[in-house]
Protein backbone atom coordinates (compact mmCIF):
# COMPACT_ATOMS: atom_id res chain seq x y z
CA MET A 1 16.01 -49.78 -26.37
CA LYS A 2 18.22 -47.19 -24.72
CA LEU A 3 21.17 -49.58 -24.79
CA LYS A 4 20.69 -50.33 -28.50
CA ARG A 5 20.68 -46.64 -29.34
CA LEU A 6 23.73 -45.99 -27.15
CA LEU A 7 26.00 -48.65 -28.66
CA PRO A 8 26.25 -47.15 -32.18
CA THR A 9 26.88 -43.75 -30.66
CA LEU A 10 29.58 -45.12 -28.38
CA PHE A 11 31.16 -47.01 -31.30
CA CYS A 12 31.25 -43.84 -33.43
CA THR A 13 32.79 -41.89 -30.57
CA VAL A 14 35.55 -44.47 -30.11
CA VAL A 15 36.27 -44.56 -33.86
CA LEU A 16 36.29 -40.77 -34.02
CA CYS A 17 38.70 -40.51 -31.07
CA ALA A 18 40.98 -43.14 -32.60
CA ALA A 19 40.98 -41.32 -35.93
CA THR A 20 41.70 -38.01 -34.22
CA GLU A 21 44.61 -39.51 -32.26
CA GLN A 22 45.98 -41.05 -35.47
CA ALA A 23 45.71 -37.70 -37.27
CA ASP A 24 47.43 -35.94 -34.36
CA ALA A 25 50.23 -38.52 -34.42
CA GLN A 26 50.65 -38.09 -38.16
CA GLN A 27 50.74 -34.30 -37.72
CA ARG A 28 53.43 -34.62 -35.05
CA ARG A 29 55.54 -36.80 -37.37
CA ARG A 30 55.04 -34.60 -40.42
CA PRO A 31 57.91 -32.09 -40.78
CA MET A 32 56.65 -28.52 -40.60
CA ARG A 33 58.01 -26.01 -43.06
CA PRO A 34 60.73 -23.71 -41.73
CA PHE A 35 60.25 -19.98 -41.51
CA LYS A 36 62.83 -17.20 -41.69
CA THR A 37 63.61 -14.61 -39.05
CA ASP A 38 66.27 -12.02 -38.27
CA THR A 39 65.46 -12.12 -34.56
CA ALA A 40 66.07 -15.61 -33.19
CA MET A 41 64.01 -16.37 -30.08
CA VAL A 42 65.98 -18.93 -28.11
CA HIS A 43 66.85 -20.22 -24.66
CA ASP A 44 70.20 -21.91 -24.00
CA PRO A 45 71.71 -21.81 -27.52
CA VAL A 46 74.61 -23.93 -28.81
CA MET A 47 76.03 -24.10 -32.31
CA ALA A 48 77.63 -26.47 -34.83
CA TYR A 49 79.13 -25.84 -38.27
CA GLU A 50 79.11 -28.22 -41.24
CA ASN A 51 79.83 -27.53 -44.92
CA GLY A 52 78.94 -23.85 -44.92
CA THR A 53 75.87 -24.08 -42.67
CA TYR A 54 75.58 -23.13 -39.01
CA TYR A 55 73.19 -25.23 -36.90
CA PHE A 56 71.77 -23.74 -33.70
CA PHE A 57 70.15 -25.99 -31.10
CA SER A 58 68.27 -24.70 -28.05
CA THR A 59 65.61 -25.43 -25.46
CA GLY A 60 62.15 -26.11 -26.90
CA ARG A 61 59.54 -28.63 -27.92
CA ARG A 62 61.35 -31.76 -29.11
CA LEU A 63 64.53 -29.66 -29.06
CA GLN A 64 64.44 -26.48 -31.09
CA TYR A 65 66.84 -25.92 -33.97
CA MET A 66 67.63 -23.31 -36.59
CA THR A 67 70.02 -23.10 -39.52
CA THR A 68 71.79 -20.14 -41.09
CA ASP A 69 74.41 -19.50 -43.75
CA ASP A 70 75.39 -16.01 -42.61
CA LEU A 71 74.66 -15.79 -38.84
CA HIS A 72 72.09 -13.08 -39.58
CA THR A 73 69.02 -14.67 -41.16
CA PHE A 74 67.80 -17.89 -39.56
CA ARG A 75 65.57 -20.70 -40.76
CA VAL A 76 63.57 -22.01 -37.81
CA TRP A 77 62.42 -25.66 -38.04
CA PRO A 78 59.25 -25.89 -35.90
CA SER A 79 59.12 -29.70 -35.82
CA GLY A 80 62.21 -29.85 -33.62
CA VAL A 81 65.04 -32.37 -33.71
CA MET A 82 63.32 -35.39 -32.18
CA PRO A 83 60.62 -37.20 -34.16
CA GLU A 84 59.69 -39.00 -30.93
CA ILE A 85 60.64 -38.43 -27.30
CA PRO A 86 62.47 -41.56 -26.00
CA GLU A 87 60.36 -43.56 -23.57
CA TRP A 88 63.21 -43.83 -21.04
CA THR A 89 63.05 -40.07 -20.39
CA HIS A 90 59.53 -40.29 -18.95
CA GLU A 91 60.53 -43.16 -16.70
CA ALA A 92 63.65 -41.36 -15.48
CA VAL A 93 61.98 -37.98 -14.94
CA PRO A 94 58.32 -38.15 -13.87
CA GLY A 95 56.44 -35.15 -15.24
CA PHE A 96 58.78 -34.61 -18.18
CA GLN A 97 56.92 -34.38 -21.49
CA GLU A 98 58.26 -32.86 -24.73
CA HIS A 99 59.93 -29.62 -23.63
CA VAL A 100 63.60 -30.61 -23.99
CA TRP A 101 66.17 -28.40 -22.27
CA ALA A 102 69.66 -27.07 -22.73
CA PRO A 103 71.47 -29.16 -25.37
CA ASP A 104 75.13 -29.30 -26.36
CA ILE A 105 76.74 -30.63 -29.53
CA ILE A 106 80.30 -31.55 -30.52
CA ARG A 107 82.08 -33.22 -33.45
CA TRP A 108 84.33 -36.06 -32.28
CA HIS A 109 85.66 -39.16 -34.04
CA ASN A 110 83.75 -38.41 -37.26
CA ARG A 111 80.35 -38.15 -35.60
CA TRP A 112 78.16 -35.47 -34.11
CA TRP A 113 77.25 -36.05 -30.47
CA LEU A 114 74.28 -34.14 -29.06
CA SER A 115 73.35 -34.14 -25.39
CA TYR A 116 70.04 -32.87 -24.04
CA SER A 117 68.35 -32.30 -20.69
CA CYS A 118 65.15 -33.75 -19.28
CA SER A 119 63.80 -32.12 -16.13
CA THR A 120 60.99 -30.24 -14.47
CA PHE A 121 61.60 -26.68 -13.37
CA GLY A 122 63.29 -26.14 -10.02
CA LYS A 123 63.82 -29.82 -9.14
CA ASN A 124 66.85 -32.06 -9.48
CA THR A 125 65.17 -35.25 -10.59
CA SER A 126 66.77 -34.84 -14.00
CA ALA A 127 68.60 -36.71 -16.72
CA ILE A 128 70.99 -35.94 -19.58
CA GLY A 129 70.40 -37.93 -22.75
CA LEU A 130 72.59 -38.57 -25.79
CA MET A 131 71.98 -38.66 -29.53
CA SER A 132 74.40 -39.12 -32.43
CA THR A 133 74.49 -38.78 -36.20
CA PRO A 134 77.27 -38.87 -38.82
CA THR A 135 76.04 -35.67 -40.51
CA LEU A 136 73.78 -32.71 -39.79
CA ALA A 137 72.75 -32.03 -43.38
CA ARG A 138 70.72 -35.26 -43.58
CA PRO A 139 70.75 -36.39 -39.97
CA GLN A 140 70.14 -39.95 -38.89
CA TRP A 141 69.74 -39.31 -35.19
CA GLN A 142 70.17 -42.34 -32.97
CA ASP A 143 69.17 -42.03 -29.35
CA LEU A 144 71.84 -43.58 -27.13
CA GLY A 145 70.04 -43.35 -23.82
CA CYS A 146 71.06 -41.64 -20.60
CA ILE A 147 74.55 -40.31 -19.87
CA VAL A 148 73.92 -39.30 -16.28
CA ALA A 149 70.89 -38.75 -14.02
CA SER A 150 70.23 -37.12 -10.67
CA ASN A 151 67.63 -38.15 -8.15
CA SER A 152 65.69 -36.21 -5.56
CA PRO A 153 63.25 -38.40 -3.60
CA THR A 154 60.47 -37.04 -1.43
CA PRO A 155 61.45 -34.56 1.30
CA ASN A 156 61.05 -37.20 4.03
CA ALA A 157 63.34 -39.72 2.32
CA ASP A 158 66.83 -40.57 3.50
CA LYS A 159 69.06 -37.64 2.52
CA SER A 160 71.87 -40.03 1.64
CA LEU A 161 69.77 -41.18 -1.31
CA ARG A 162 69.66 -37.72 -2.85
CA ASP A 163 72.15 -36.34 -5.35
CA ASP A 164 73.47 -32.93 -4.36
CA TRP A 165 73.69 -31.86 -8.00
CA ASN A 166 71.35 -31.46 -10.95
CA ALA A 167 71.82 -33.39 -14.20
CA ILE A 168 71.00 -30.60 -16.66
CA ASP A 169 72.88 -28.05 -18.81
CA PRO A 170 75.49 -30.43 -20.29
CA CYS A 171 78.63 -29.41 -22.16
CA PHE A 172 81.17 -31.73 -23.80
CA VAL A 173 84.89 -30.99 -23.74
CA ILE A 174 87.75 -33.04 -25.25
CA ASP A 175 91.03 -32.76 -23.34
CA ASP A 176 94.56 -32.70 -24.76
CA ASN A 177 94.69 -36.50 -24.60
CA ASP A 178 91.57 -36.85 -26.79
CA THR A 179 89.54 -37.92 -23.76
CA PRO A 180 85.93 -36.71 -23.57
CA TRP A 181 84.48 -35.11 -20.44
CA LEU A 182 81.04 -33.83 -19.53
CA THR A 183 80.43 -30.77 -17.41
CA TYR A 184 76.93 -29.90 -16.25
CA GLY A 185 74.91 -28.59 -13.32
CA SER A 186 72.42 -26.10 -11.99
CA PHE A 187 72.14 -24.94 -8.34
CA TRP A 188 72.55 -27.51 -5.53
CA ASP A 189 76.35 -28.02 -5.17
CA GLY A 190 77.05 -26.30 -8.46
CA ILE A 191 78.92 -27.31 -11.60
CA GLN A 192 79.97 -30.95 -12.00
CA LEU A 193 82.57 -32.65 -14.19
CA VAL A 194 82.90 -36.34 -15.05
CA ARG A 195 85.12 -38.29 -17.45
CA LEU A 196 83.44 -40.17 -20.31
CA ASP A 197 84.45 -43.22 -22.32
CA THR A 198 84.59 -43.65 -26.10
CA THR A 199 80.80 -44.16 -26.24
CA MET A 200 80.28 -40.74 -24.61
CA HIS A 201 78.89 -42.32 -21.44
CA VAL A 202 80.38 -42.10 -17.96
CA ALA A 203 83.64 -44.06 -17.84
CA GLN A 204 83.72 -47.08 -15.56
CA GLY A 205 84.44 -46.17 -11.95
CA GLN A 206 84.13 -42.42 -12.53
CA LYS A 207 82.01 -40.15 -10.34
CA PRO A 208 81.16 -36.47 -10.89
CA PHE A 209 82.87 -33.83 -8.79
CA THR A 210 82.30 -30.10 -8.24
CA ILE A 211 84.45 -27.62 -10.20
CA ALA A 212 82.49 -24.41 -9.49
CA ARG A 213 79.88 -23.19 -7.06
CA ARG A 214 78.36 -19.79 -6.36
CA TYR A 215 78.65 -19.83 -2.61
CA LYS A 216 80.92 -21.96 -0.49
CA GLU A 217 78.71 -20.79 2.39
CA ALA A 218 75.41 -19.16 1.43
CA PRO A 219 74.70 -15.77 3.03
CA ALA A 220 72.11 -15.86 5.80
CA GLY A 221 68.64 -14.77 4.76
CA LEU A 222 69.21 -15.22 1.03
CA GLU A 223 66.23 -16.73 -0.79
CA ASN A 224 65.66 -18.35 -4.17
CA PRO A 225 62.76 -16.56 -5.95
CA THR A 226 62.25 -19.40 -8.45
CA SER A 227 62.34 -22.68 -6.49
CA LYS A 228 61.78 -23.88 -2.93
CA TYR A 229 63.88 -26.97 -3.66
CA ALA A 230 67.03 -25.66 -5.33
CA GLY A 231 68.54 -23.46 -2.64
CA VAL A 232 70.46 -20.25 -3.36
CA ASN A 233 73.61 -21.60 -5.03
CA ALA A 234 72.66 -19.71 -8.20
CA ILE A 235 75.17 -21.09 -10.70
CA GLU A 236 74.48 -23.16 -13.82
CA ALA A 237 75.01 -23.65 -17.57
CA PRO A 238 78.75 -24.42 -17.80
CA PHE A 239 80.70 -24.19 -21.04
CA ILE A 240 84.40 -25.10 -21.31
CA TYR A 241 86.42 -23.64 -24.19
CA LYS A 242 90.06 -24.56 -24.96
CA ARG A 243 92.65 -22.01 -26.14
CA ASN A 244 96.45 -21.84 -26.01
CA GLY A 245 96.86 -24.42 -23.26
CA TRP A 246 94.05 -23.03 -21.09
CA TYR A 247 90.59 -24.40 -20.35
CA TYR A 248 88.14 -21.51 -19.85
CA LEU A 249 85.06 -22.25 -17.76
CA PHE A 250 82.10 -19.96 -18.45
CA VAL A 251 79.11 -20.24 -16.08
CA SER A 252 75.89 -18.32 -15.50
CA TRP A 253 75.11 -16.69 -12.17
CA ASP A 254 71.76 -15.62 -10.69
CA TYR A 255 68.32 -16.21 -12.17
CA CYS A 256 67.01 -16.91 -15.65
CA CYS A 257 63.51 -17.49 -16.95
CA ARG A 258 61.83 -14.54 -15.21
CA GLY A 259 61.38 -12.28 -18.23
CA GLU A 260 62.06 -8.66 -17.30
CA LYS A 261 62.91 -9.75 -13.75
CA SER A 262 65.79 -11.96 -14.94
CA ASP A 263 69.21 -10.95 -13.62
CA TYR A 264 71.29 -13.61 -15.38
CA LYS A 265 75.00 -12.90 -15.98
CA VAL A 266 78.08 -14.82 -17.18
CA VAL A 267 81.39 -15.15 -15.34
CA VAL A 268 84.59 -16.94 -16.36
CA GLY A 269 87.62 -18.63 -14.86
CA ARG A 270 90.41 -20.78 -16.28
CA SER A 271 92.70 -23.71 -15.56
CA LYS A 272 95.63 -25.51 -17.19
CA ASN A 273 93.90 -28.80 -16.34
CA VAL A 274 90.43 -29.74 -17.54
CA ALA A 275 89.64 -31.01 -14.04
CA GLY A 276 90.64 -27.71 -12.43
CA PRO A 277 91.08 -25.97 -10.17
CA TYR A 278 89.50 -23.08 -12.11
CA ARG A 279 90.38 -19.60 -10.88
CA ASP A 280 89.14 -16.15 -11.81
CA ARG A 281 91.34 -13.23 -12.86
CA ASN A 282 92.07 -12.42 -9.21
CA GLY A 283 93.14 -15.98 -8.46
CA LYS A 284 90.03 -16.97 -6.51
CA LYS A 285 88.93 -20.57 -6.97
CA MET A 286 85.57 -21.06 -8.65
CA THR A 287 84.78 -23.77 -6.10
CA GLU A 288 84.89 -20.96 -3.53
CA GLY A 289 82.67 -18.51 -5.40
CA GLY A 290 85.26 -17.12 -7.81
CA GLY A 291 84.35 -15.83 -11.25
CA THR A 292 85.31 -12.82 -13.37
CA LEU A 293 82.31 -10.96 -14.79
CA PHE A 294 82.10 -11.41 -18.57
CA ILE A 295 78.64 -10.13 -19.57
CA GLU A 296 75.49 -8.99 -17.78
CA GLY A 297 72.28 -7.18 -18.66
CA ASP A 298 72.82 -3.52 -19.46
CA LYS A 299 69.26 -2.60 -18.34
CA ALA A 300 68.86 -0.71 -21.61
CA GLU A 301 68.68 -3.47 -24.22
CA PHE A 302 68.74 -6.58 -22.02
CA GLU A 303 67.71 -7.21 -18.42
CA GLY A 304 69.78 -10.35 -18.09
CA THR A 305 72.14 -12.38 -20.28
CA GLY A 306 73.34 -15.94 -19.84
CA HIS A 307 73.61 -19.63 -20.73
CA CYS A 308 76.45 -19.17 -23.19
CA ALA A 309 78.71 -20.99 -25.63
CA VAL A 310 82.00 -20.00 -27.32
CA TYR A 311 83.31 -21.08 -30.74
CA ASP A 312 86.16 -20.48 -33.16
CA LEU A 313 84.52 -19.51 -36.44
CA PRO A 314 85.77 -21.15 -39.63
CA THR A 315 87.88 -19.01 -41.95
CA THR A 316 86.50 -18.53 -45.45
CA LEU A 317 87.46 -16.67 -48.61
CA LEU A 318 85.20 -13.85 -47.44
CA ASN A 319 86.59 -13.88 -43.92
CA LEU A 320 90.24 -14.89 -43.55
CA ARG A 321 90.63 -13.42 -40.06
CA PRO A 322 90.27 -15.96 -37.22
CA ARG A 323 87.35 -15.02 -35.00
CA THR A 324 85.93 -16.31 -31.73
CA LEU A 325 82.15 -16.06 -31.35
CA PHE A 326 80.29 -15.81 -28.04
CA ILE A 327 76.58 -16.65 -28.02
CA CYS A 328 73.97 -16.62 -25.25
CA HIS A 329 70.37 -15.60 -24.74
CA GLY A 330 69.28 -12.26 -23.36
CA TYR A 331 65.97 -11.04 -21.97
CA SER A 332 65.01 -8.18 -24.27
CA LYS A 333 63.58 -5.01 -22.74
CA LYS A 334 62.15 -3.97 -26.11
CA MET A 335 60.33 -7.31 -26.38
CA HIS A 336 59.13 -7.25 -22.74
CA GLY A 337 61.42 -9.97 -21.45
CA GLN A 338 61.43 -12.31 -24.45
CA ALA A 339 64.64 -14.38 -24.63
CA ILE A 340 66.52 -13.78 -27.89
CA LEU A 341 69.88 -14.79 -29.34
CA ILE A 342 72.92 -12.60 -28.62
CA GLN A 343 76.09 -12.91 -30.72
CA LYS A 344 79.29 -11.04 -29.88
CA GLU A 345 82.91 -11.36 -30.93
CA VAL A 346 85.51 -12.23 -28.31
CA GLU A 347 88.89 -10.49 -28.02
CA TRP A 348 91.81 -11.56 -25.84
CA THR A 349 93.92 -9.56 -23.41
CA LYS A 350 97.70 -9.81 -23.41
CA ASP A 351 97.57 -12.15 -20.42
CA GLY A 352 95.04 -14.42 -22.14
CA TRP A 353 91.68 -13.40 -20.70
CA PRO A 354 88.57 -13.15 -22.90
CA ILE A 355 86.67 -9.87 -23.22
CA LEU A 356 83.84 -8.85 -25.52
CA LYS A 357 84.59 -6.66 -28.49
């Protein structure tokens, strides 16, 4: 008798769970209505422009994005970019779920190419994925798999099997020969660069190499307050910007993601060759710890500022003057360490170095 009474109950429970899961799946697929804001809360922002609209992509659930017509009022799209997280990401990065990190986007050969990061905080078992679409207005995103991945086995594994770099924080750059490159990296041996092919994947026979690191030799006694795995080579989030025959490499130093304890800052160097060597304003190589300070927290409005991107704004009938825009996120003191979007105009010195207006 007990078994007969239990079976209908069990059946109803199974049906109810299945219906709930189906409803949750439908809710995840259903686009959520955007909302407007004048204060954009972002981590790791990058930007694209198409037909009068600016598109901002940043770290978040299924990859956060916003749109704006005036760079002041933003429409935030809560559903994110990705309708589904590609299955390969979970296989490549155990523990990765839906929180997609640090994207980059570029227009090349009549398509938009968007890279994104899959990782878990403080570890270098990571992967950089690729998506593409012909337009942003009505995107038809196609996931093109993994561009590059890094592996960190268990601590007792053979060290030769480990990658001494971290496959996150990607940035595309197209050189003067119309060849695409990818720069990326966070901690370990610093910022990496690798040549890509016409599919935006690593070109045959190419291997990444280091173009910037924080410390050639880490000071004794220095500790990483955020990760026991990553070491103290606190450099990440590269962005390469081309201007007047120079490649400018912007990177972030020190520590993000700690709210009011964040001490993030941005430094810059430059090179005539996309592959380097990059040097700061004093001539010091960025592979040896060089970097000219560009922006840091002022301790009044922001505790720390970093993970940046730089763009030439389009000229319009309302704005005929060419402008260069610098964006990053900053940890707001007023908002108790919340990361928000910073936008500042870039000026150029007579000898070609960027400074903030």
